[in-house]
Amino acid sequence: MSGLEQLYQQIILDHSKHPHGVGLEVGEETSHQRNPVCGDEITLALRWDAAGERIESVAWEGAGCSISQASASLLATLAQESVDEGASWTTAELTALIDEFREALRSRGAIPLDEERFGDAAALSGVSKFVARVKCAMLAWVAAEDLLQRRP
């Protein structure tokens, strides 16, 4: 195993053991996604700024394998980093990110996630080589996509 693969594996394990963004609030609009193959579940909320134009945070709860939990945690972390940098996501920006994430994970290892754009979430690039795990990694991202598509 290369040094990069070990680092990525450690990032996934750290996020599955110490997840970021966990905790939904009563009344939030959420999307619940379940992987029927393995039973992983994620319920996710996008929290918007007062104007409803930019995403302030991603919150979630779930149960499942370390990949599904780490992926949700990494999405929440990436959202927080965008806020911290003063560049919180718009609907279009998050949609583009989800599309890129999906393309990379479906590439069977041909398209790695860009570390500059995805930060630590690039650690999920290796999942694309394991078709059975792609849906686990996609759960939180599909939940976010579902919430974006429901916005007026």
N, C-alpha and C. Protein backbone atom coordinates (compact mmCIF):
# COMPACT_ATOMS: atom_id res chain seq x y z
N MET A 1 0.86 -1.19 0.00
CA MET A 1 0.00 0.00 0.00
C MET A 1 0.89 1.24 0.00
N SER A 2 0.60 2.17 -0.91
CA SER A 2 1.41 3.38 -1.00
C SER A 2 1.13 4.30 0.18
N GLY A 3 2.00 5.26 0.35
CA GLY A 3 1.83 6.24 1.43
C GLY A 3 0.54 7.02 1.28
N LEU A 4 0.19 7.36 0.04
CA LEU A 4 -1.04 8.11 -0.20
C LEU A 4 -2.27 7.26 0.13
N GLU A 5 -2.23 5.99 -0.25
CA GLU A 5 -3.36 5.09 0.08
C GLU A 5 -3.51 4.93 1.59
N GLN A 6 -2.38 4.86 2.30
CA GLN A 6 -2.44 4.75 3.76
C GLN A 6 -3.03 6.02 4.37
N LEU A 7 -2.62 7.17 3.85
CA LEU A 7 -3.16 8.44 4.34
C LEU A 7 -4.66 8.50 4.09
N TYR A 8 -5.09 8.13 2.88
CA TYR A 8 -6.51 8.14 2.56
C TYR A 8 -7.29 7.19 3.46
N GLN A 9 -6.73 6.01 3.70
CA GLN A 9 -7.40 5.05 4.56
C GLN A 9 -7.54 5.62 5.98
N GLN A 10 -6.50 6.31 6.44
CA GLN A 10 -6.54 6.90 7.78
C GLN A 10 -7.58 8.01 7.86
N ILE A 11 -7.70 8.82 6.81
CA ILE A 11 -8.71 9.89 6.79
C ILE A 11 -10.11 9.28 6.88
N ILE A 12 -10.36 8.23 6.12
CA ILE A 12 -11.68 7.58 6.14
C ILE A 12 -11.96 7.00 7.53
N LEU A 13 -11.00 6.33 8.11
CA LEU A 13 -11.19 5.76 9.45
C LEU A 13 -11.42 6.86 10.49
N ASP A 14 -10.64 7.94 10.41
CA ASP A 14 -10.81 9.04 11.37
C ASP A 14 -12.20 9.65 11.27
N HIS A 15 -12.68 9.88 10.06
CA HIS A 15 -14.00 10.49 9.89
C HIS A 15 -15.13 9.53 10.28
N SER A 16 -14.92 8.24 10.11
CA SER A 16 -15.98 7.30 10.52
C SER A 16 -16.03 7.16 12.04
N LYS A 17 -14.90 7.30 12.69
CA LYS A 17 -14.86 7.19 14.15
C LYS A 17 -15.21 8.50 14.84
N HIS A 18 -14.84 9.62 14.22
CA HIS A 18 -15.07 10.94 14.80
C HIS A 18 -15.73 11.83 13.74
N PRO A 19 -16.99 11.54 13.44
CA PRO A 19 -17.65 12.25 12.33
C PRO A 19 -17.94 13.72 12.61
N HIS A 20 -17.90 14.51 11.57
CA HIS A 20 -18.21 15.93 11.63
C HIS A 20 -19.62 16.16 11.07
N GLY A 21 -20.30 17.16 11.60
CA GLY A 21 -21.61 17.55 11.05
C GLY A 21 -22.77 16.72 11.55
N VAL A 22 -22.58 15.90 12.54
CA VAL A 22 -23.66 15.04 13.03
C VAL A 22 -24.62 15.86 13.89
N GLY A 23 -25.91 15.70 13.64
CA GLY A 23 -26.91 16.35 14.48
C GLY A 23 -27.93 17.11 13.67
N LEU A 24 -29.12 16.56 13.61
CA LEU A 24 -30.23 17.22 12.91
C LEU A 24 -31.09 17.95 13.93
N GLU A 25 -31.80 18.98 13.47
CA GLU A 25 -32.70 19.74 14.33
C GLU A 25 -34.13 19.45 13.91
N VAL A 26 -35.02 19.48 14.90
CA VAL A 26 -36.44 19.23 14.63
C VAL A 26 -36.95 20.27 13.64
N GLY A 27 -37.68 19.81 12.65
CA GLY A 27 -38.27 20.72 11.68
C GLY A 27 -37.43 20.98 10.44
N GLU A 28 -36.20 20.50 10.43
CA GLU A 28 -35.37 20.71 9.25
C GLU A 28 -35.88 19.88 8.08
N GLU A 29 -35.76 20.43 6.90
CA GLU A 29 -36.06 19.64 5.71
C GLU A 29 -34.88 18.69 5.49
N THR A 30 -35.18 17.42 5.42
CA THR A 30 -34.12 16.42 5.30
C THR A 30 -34.39 15.49 4.12
N SER A 31 -33.35 14.82 3.73
CA SER A 31 -33.46 13.75 2.74
C SER A 31 -32.88 12.48 3.38
N HIS A 32 -33.65 11.42 3.31
CA HIS A 32 -33.21 10.14 3.84
C HIS A 32 -32.87 9.23 2.67
N GLN A 33 -31.67 8.69 2.69
CA GLN A 33 -31.23 7.78 1.63
C GLN A 33 -30.78 6.47 2.27
N ARG A 34 -31.08 5.38 1.62
CA ARG A 34 -30.73 4.06 2.13
C ARG A 34 -30.16 3.22 1.00
N ASN A 35 -29.09 2.53 1.28
CA ASN A 35 -28.53 1.60 0.32
C ASN A 35 -29.20 0.24 0.57
N PRO A 36 -30.06 -0.19 -0.36
CA PRO A 36 -30.78 -1.45 -0.14
C PRO A 36 -29.89 -2.68 -0.14
N VAL A 37 -28.70 -2.56 -0.70
CA VAL A 37 -27.79 -3.70 -0.77
C VAL A 37 -27.17 -4.00 0.60
N CYS A 38 -26.69 -2.96 1.27
CA CYS A 38 -25.97 -3.18 2.53
C CYS A 38 -26.72 -2.64 3.75
N GLY A 39 -27.73 -1.79 3.54
CA GLY A 39 -28.51 -1.27 4.66
C GLY A 39 -28.00 0.05 5.23
N ASP A 40 -26.93 0.62 4.68
CA ASP A 40 -26.45 1.93 5.14
C ASP A 40 -27.56 2.95 4.98
N GLU A 41 -27.65 3.87 5.96
CA GLU A 41 -28.67 4.92 5.91
C GLU A 41 -28.06 6.26 6.29
N ILE A 42 -28.51 7.30 5.60
CA ILE A 42 -28.10 8.67 5.90
C ILE A 42 -29.34 9.55 5.80
N THR A 43 -29.53 10.41 6.80
CA THR A 43 -30.52 11.48 6.73
C THR A 43 -29.73 12.78 6.81
N LEU A 44 -29.95 13.65 5.84
CA LEU A 44 -29.10 14.82 5.70
C LEU A 44 -29.94 16.09 5.56
N ALA A 45 -29.43 17.18 6.11
CA ALA A 45 -30.06 18.50 5.97
C ALA A 45 -29.02 19.49 5.46
N LEU A 46 -29.46 20.39 4.63
CA LEU A 46 -28.64 21.52 4.21
C LEU A 46 -29.16 22.74 4.94
N ARG A 47 -28.29 23.44 5.61
CA ARG A 47 -28.68 24.66 6.34
C ARG A 47 -28.24 25.87 5.52
N TRP A 48 -29.21 26.75 5.26
CA TRP A 48 -28.99 27.88 4.36
C TRP A 48 -28.81 29.17 5.14
N ASP A 49 -28.17 30.16 4.51
CA ASP A 49 -28.05 31.48 5.13
C ASP A 49 -29.42 32.15 5.16
N ALA A 50 -29.49 33.31 5.80
CA ALA A 50 -30.77 34.00 5.98
C ALA A 50 -31.44 34.32 4.65
N ALA A 51 -30.65 34.60 3.64
CA ALA A 51 -31.20 34.92 2.32
C ALA A 51 -31.63 33.66 1.55
N GLY A 52 -31.22 32.50 2.05
CA GLY A 52 -31.55 31.25 1.38
C GLY A 52 -30.78 31.03 0.09
N GLU A 53 -29.65 31.70 -0.02
CA GLU A 53 -28.87 31.61 -1.26
C GLU A 53 -27.60 30.76 -1.13
N ARG A 54 -27.07 30.68 0.09
CA ARG A 54 -25.80 29.96 0.28
C ARG A 54 -25.93 28.97 1.42
N ILE A 55 -25.20 27.89 1.32
CA ILE A 55 -25.26 26.81 2.31
C ILE A 55 -24.31 27.15 3.46
N GLU A 56 -24.89 27.20 4.67
CA GLU A 56 -24.09 27.50 5.86
C GLU A 56 -23.46 26.24 6.45
N SER A 57 -24.17 25.13 6.33
CA SER A 57 -23.62 23.88 6.86
C SER A 57 -24.39 22.69 6.33
N VAL A 58 -23.77 21.54 6.50
CA VAL A 58 -24.39 20.26 6.18
C VAL A 58 -24.46 19.48 7.49
N ALA A 59 -25.66 19.01 7.83
CA ALA A 59 -25.85 18.22 9.04
C ALA A 59 -26.43 16.87 8.64
N TRP A 60 -26.12 15.86 9.43
CA TRP A 60 -26.59 14.53 9.05
C TRP A 60 -26.62 13.61 10.26
N GLU A 61 -27.31 12.51 10.08
CA GLU A 61 -27.29 11.39 11.02
C GLU A 61 -27.35 10.13 10.17
N GLY A 62 -26.76 9.08 10.67
CA GLY A 62 -26.79 7.87 9.88
C GLY A 62 -26.18 6.69 10.58
N ALA A 63 -26.31 5.57 9.92
CA ALA A 63 -25.72 4.33 10.42
C ALA A 63 -25.28 3.53 9.22
N GLY A 64 -24.13 2.88 9.36
CA GLY A 64 -23.66 2.06 8.26
C GLY A 64 -22.16 1.87 8.31
N CYS A 65 -21.62 1.52 7.17
CA CYS A 65 -20.20 1.21 7.09
C CYS A 65 -19.35 2.47 7.24
N SER A 66 -18.07 2.26 7.45
CA SER A 66 -17.16 3.40 7.65
C SER A 66 -17.11 4.29 6.42
N ILE A 67 -17.29 3.74 5.23
CA ILE A 67 -17.24 4.56 4.02
C ILE A 67 -18.44 5.50 3.96
N SER A 68 -19.63 5.01 4.24
CA SER A 68 -20.81 5.88 4.18
C SER A 68 -20.75 6.96 5.25
N GLN A 69 -20.29 6.59 6.45
CA GLN A 69 -20.22 7.56 7.54
C GLN A 69 -19.11 8.60 7.27
N ALA A 70 -17.98 8.13 6.79
CA ALA A 70 -16.88 9.04 6.48
C ALA A 70 -17.25 9.97 5.33
N SER A 71 -17.95 9.47 4.35
CA SER A 71 -18.34 10.30 3.21
C SER A 71 -19.26 11.44 3.65
N ALA A 72 -20.23 11.14 4.52
CA ALA A 72 -21.11 12.19 5.04
C ALA A 72 -20.32 13.19 5.86
N SER A 73 -19.42 12.71 6.69
CA SER A 73 -18.58 13.58 7.51
C SER A 73 -17.70 14.46 6.64
N LEU A 74 -17.14 13.89 5.59
CA LEU A 74 -16.26 14.65 4.70
C LEU A 74 -17.05 15.71 3.92
N LEU A 75 -18.29 15.40 3.54
CA LEU A 75 -19.14 16.40 2.88
C LEU A 75 -19.41 17.56 3.84
N ALA A 76 -19.72 17.24 5.09
CA ALA A 76 -19.97 18.30 6.09
C ALA A 76 -18.71 19.13 6.32
N THR A 77 -17.57 18.48 6.37
CA THR A 77 -16.30 19.19 6.56
C THR A 77 -16.00 20.09 5.37
N LEU A 78 -16.21 19.59 4.19
CA LEU A 78 -15.97 20.38 2.98
C LEU A 78 -16.88 21.62 2.95
N ALA A 79 -18.13 21.45 3.36
CA ALA A 79 -19.06 22.59 3.42
C ALA A 79 -18.56 23.62 4.44
N GLN A 80 -18.11 23.13 5.60
CA GLN A 80 -17.62 24.06 6.63
C GLN A 80 -16.38 24.80 6.16
N GLU A 81 -15.50 24.10 5.46
CA GLU A 81 -14.30 24.75 4.93
C GLU A 81 -14.67 25.84 3.93
N SER A 82 -15.69 25.60 3.13
CA SER A 82 -16.10 26.63 2.16
C SER A 82 -16.63 27.86 2.89
N VAL A 83 -17.36 27.65 3.98
CA VAL A 83 -17.86 28.78 4.79
C VAL A 83 -16.69 29.52 5.42
N ASP A 84 -15.77 28.76 6.01
CA ASP A 84 -14.60 29.37 6.67
C ASP A 84 -13.77 30.21 5.70
N GLU A 85 -13.75 29.82 4.45
CA GLU A 85 -12.97 30.54 3.43
C GLU A 85 -13.77 31.69 2.81
N GLY A 86 -15.00 31.90 3.30
CA GLY A 86 -15.84 32.97 2.75
C GLY A 86 -16.40 32.65 1.38
N ALA A 87 -16.46 31.38 1.06
CA ALA A 87 -16.93 30.96 -0.26
C ALA A 87 -17.99 29.87 -0.12
N SER A 88 -18.96 30.10 0.77
CA SER A 88 -19.99 29.08 0.96
C SER A 88 -20.70 28.79 -0.36
N TRP A 89 -21.18 27.58 -0.48
CA TRP A 89 -21.72 27.11 -1.76
C TRP A 89 -23.09 27.68 -2.08
N THR A 90 -23.28 27.94 -3.36
CA THR A 90 -24.61 28.18 -3.89
C THR A 90 -25.17 26.83 -4.34
N THR A 91 -26.43 26.83 -4.74
CA THR A 91 -27.03 25.61 -5.27
C THR A 91 -26.24 25.11 -6.48
N ALA A 92 -25.89 26.00 -7.38
CA ALA A 92 -25.16 25.60 -8.59
C ALA A 92 -23.78 25.04 -8.25
N GLU A 93 -23.11 25.64 -7.29
CA GLU A 93 -21.77 25.16 -6.92
C GLU A 93 -21.83 23.78 -6.29
N LEU A 94 -22.79 23.56 -5.40
CA LEU A 94 -22.91 22.23 -4.79
C LEU A 94 -23.33 21.20 -5.83
N THR A 95 -24.21 21.58 -6.73
CA THR A 95 -24.63 20.66 -7.79
C THR A 95 -23.43 20.24 -8.65
N ALA A 96 -22.59 21.19 -9.00
CA ALA A 96 -21.39 20.87 -9.80
C ALA A 96 -20.45 19.95 -9.03
N LEU A 97 -20.30 20.19 -7.74
CA LEU A 97 -19.44 19.35 -6.90
C LEU A 97 -19.98 17.92 -6.84
N ILE A 98 -21.28 17.79 -6.66
CA ILE A 98 -21.90 16.46 -6.61
C ILE A 98 -21.70 15.74 -7.94
N ASP A 99 -21.87 16.45 -9.04
CA ASP A 99 -21.68 15.84 -10.36
C ASP A 99 -20.25 15.34 -10.54
N GLU A 100 -19.28 16.15 -10.12
CA GLU A 100 -17.87 15.74 -10.22
C GLU A 100 -17.58 14.54 -9.32
N PHE A 101 -18.15 14.57 -8.12
CA PHE A 101 -17.97 13.46 -7.18
C PHE A 101 -18.50 12.16 -7.79
N ARG A 102 -19.71 12.25 -8.34
CA ARG A 102 -20.36 11.07 -8.95
C ARG A 102 -19.52 10.54 -10.13
N GLU A 103 -19.07 11.44 -10.98
CA GLU A 103 -18.28 11.03 -12.14
C GLU A 103 -17.00 10.31 -11.70
N ALA A 104 -16.32 10.84 -10.69
CA ALA A 104 -15.08 10.22 -10.21
C ALA A 104 -15.37 8.85 -9.58
N LEU A 105 -16.43 8.77 -8.80
CA LEU A 105 -16.71 7.49 -8.14
C LEU A 105 -17.20 6.43 -9.10
N ARG A 106 -17.77 6.83 -10.21
CA ARG A 106 -18.21 5.85 -11.20
C ARG A 106 -17.12 5.52 -12.21
N SER A 107 -15.97 6.13 -12.09
CA SER A 107 -14.91 5.97 -13.10
C SER A 107 -14.06 4.71 -12.93
N ARG A 108 -14.31 3.97 -11.87
CA ARG A 108 -13.54 2.76 -11.57
C ARG A 108 -12.05 3.07 -11.47
N GLY A 109 -11.73 4.20 -10.88
CA GLY A 109 -10.36 4.57 -10.63
C GLY A 109 -9.71 5.40 -11.71
N ALA A 110 -10.41 5.63 -12.81
CA ALA A 110 -9.83 6.38 -13.93
C ALA A 110 -9.76 7.89 -13.65
N ILE A 111 -10.69 8.40 -12.82
CA ILE A 111 -10.74 9.83 -12.53
C ILE A 111 -10.64 10.03 -11.02
N PRO A 112 -9.48 10.42 -10.52
CA PRO A 112 -9.37 10.67 -9.08
C PRO A 112 -10.01 12.02 -8.72
N LEU A 113 -10.48 12.10 -7.49
CA LEU A 113 -11.03 13.37 -7.02
C LEU A 113 -9.90 14.37 -6.85
N ASP A 114 -10.12 15.60 -7.28
CA ASP A 114 -9.12 16.66 -7.20
C ASP A 114 -8.97 17.10 -5.74
N GLU A 115 -7.76 16.94 -5.19
CA GLU A 115 -7.53 17.31 -3.79
C GLU A 115 -7.74 18.80 -3.53
N GLU A 116 -7.44 19.64 -4.51
CA GLU A 116 -7.63 21.08 -4.34
C GLU A 116 -9.11 21.40 -4.18
N ARG A 117 -9.92 20.71 -4.90
CA ARG A 117 -11.37 20.98 -4.90
C ARG A 117 -12.10 20.21 -3.81
N PHE A 118 -11.68 18.98 -3.53
CA PHE A 118 -12.40 18.12 -2.59
C PHE A 118 -11.73 17.99 -1.23
N GLY A 119 -10.55 18.57 -1.05
CA GLY A 119 -9.87 18.48 0.23
C GLY A 119 -9.71 17.03 0.67
N ASP A 120 -9.96 16.77 1.95
CA ASP A 120 -9.82 15.40 2.47
C ASP A 120 -10.81 14.44 1.84
N ALA A 121 -11.90 14.94 1.28
CA ALA A 121 -12.88 14.05 0.63
C ALA A 121 -12.25 13.33 -0.57
N ALA A 122 -11.12 13.83 -1.06
CA ALA A 122 -10.40 13.14 -2.13
C ALA A 122 -9.96 11.75 -1.68
N ALA A 123 -9.94 11.53 -0.37
CA ALA A 123 -9.59 10.21 0.16
C ALA A 123 -10.57 9.14 -0.31
N LEU A 124 -11.74 9.56 -0.75
CA LEU A 124 -12.74 8.60 -1.22
C LEU A 124 -12.50 8.15 -2.66
N SER A 125 -11.49 8.68 -3.31
CA SER A 125 -11.18 8.30 -4.70
C SER A 125 -11.02 6.80 -4.86
N GLY A 126 -10.36 6.17 -3.91
CA GLY A 126 -10.11 4.73 -4.00
C GLY A 126 -11.36 3.88 -3.99
N VAL A 127 -12.46 4.44 -3.46
CA VAL A 127 -13.72 3.70 -3.42
C VAL A 127 -14.20 3.36 -4.83
N SER A 128 -13.83 4.19 -5.79
CA SER A 128 -14.31 3.99 -7.16
C SER A 128 -13.86 2.66 -7.75
N LYS A 129 -12.83 2.06 -7.19
CA LYS A 129 -12.35 0.77 -7.68
C LYS A 129 -13.18 -0.39 -7.15
N PHE A 130 -14.07 -0.11 -6.20
CA PHE A 130 -14.90 -1.15 -5.58
C PHE A 130 -16.37 -0.81 -5.82
N VAL A 131 -16.91 -1.33 -6.91
CA VAL A 131 -18.26 -0.97 -7.36
C VAL A 131 -19.30 -1.13 -6.26
N ALA A 132 -19.16 -2.15 -5.45
CA ALA A 132 -20.14 -2.41 -4.40
C ALA A 132 -20.15 -1.32 -3.33
N ARG A 133 -19.07 -0.55 -3.22
CA ARG A 133 -18.95 0.50 -2.20
C ARG A 133 -19.28 1.90 -2.70
N VAL A 134 -19.43 2.05 -4.01
CA VAL A 134 -19.68 3.38 -4.57
C VAL A 134 -20.98 3.95 -4.01
N LYS A 135 -22.02 3.14 -3.94
CA LYS A 135 -23.29 3.65 -3.43
C LYS A 135 -23.17 4.05 -1.96
N CYS A 136 -22.35 3.35 -1.20
CA CYS A 136 -22.12 3.72 0.21
C CYS A 136 -21.54 5.13 0.27
N ALA A 137 -20.55 5.40 -0.56
CA ALA A 137 -19.90 6.71 -0.56
C ALA A 137 -20.82 7.80 -1.11
N MET A 138 -21.75 7.41 -1.99
CA MET A 138 -22.63 8.40 -2.63
C MET A 138 -23.84 8.79 -1.77
N LEU A 139 -24.18 8.04 -0.74
CA LEU A 139 -25.43 8.27 0.00
C LEU A 139 -25.62 9.72 0.42
N ALA A 140 -24.67 10.29 1.12
CA ALA A 140 -24.82 11.66 1.60
C ALA A 140 -24.91 12.65 0.45
N TRP A 141 -24.16 12.40 -0.59
CA TRP A 141 -24.12 13.30 -1.74
C TRP A 141 -25.45 13.24 -2.51
N VAL A 142 -26.03 12.05 -2.59
CA VAL A 142 -27.34 11.90 -3.23
C VAL A 142 -28.42 12.58 -2.37
N ALA A 143 -28.28 12.50 -1.06
CA ALA A 143 -29.23 13.19 -0.18
C ALA A 143 -29.15 14.70 -0.39
N ALA A 144 -27.93 15.22 -0.51
CA ALA A 144 -27.77 16.65 -0.77
C ALA A 144 -28.39 17.02 -2.12
N GLU A 145 -28.15 16.19 -3.11
CA GLU A 145 -28.71 16.43 -4.45
C GLU A 145 -30.24 16.43 -4.39
N ASP A 146 -30.81 15.49 -3.65
CA ASP A 146 -32.27 15.42 -3.50
C ASP A 146 -32.81 16.71 -2.89
N LEU A 147 -32.14 17.21 -1.87
CA LEU A 147 -32.60 18.45 -1.23
C LEU A 147 -32.49 19.64 -2.19
N LEU A 148 -31.44 19.68 -2.98
CA LEU A 148 -31.28 20.78 -3.95
C LEU A 148 -32.37 20.74 -5.01
N GLN A 149 -32.73 19.53 -5.43
CA GLN A 149 -33.76 19.40 -6.47
C GLN A 149 -35.15 19.75 -5.97
N ARG A 150 -35.35 19.68 -4.65
CA ARG A 150 -36.66 20.03 -4.09
C ARG A 150 -36.82 21.53 -3.86
N ARG A 151 -35.73 22.30 -3.95
CA ARG A 151 -35.82 23.75 -3.71
C ARG A 151 -36.59 24.41 -4.83
N PRO A 152 -37.42 25.38 -4.46
CA PRO A 152 -38.20 26.09 -5.50
C PRO A 152 -37.32 26.94 -6.38
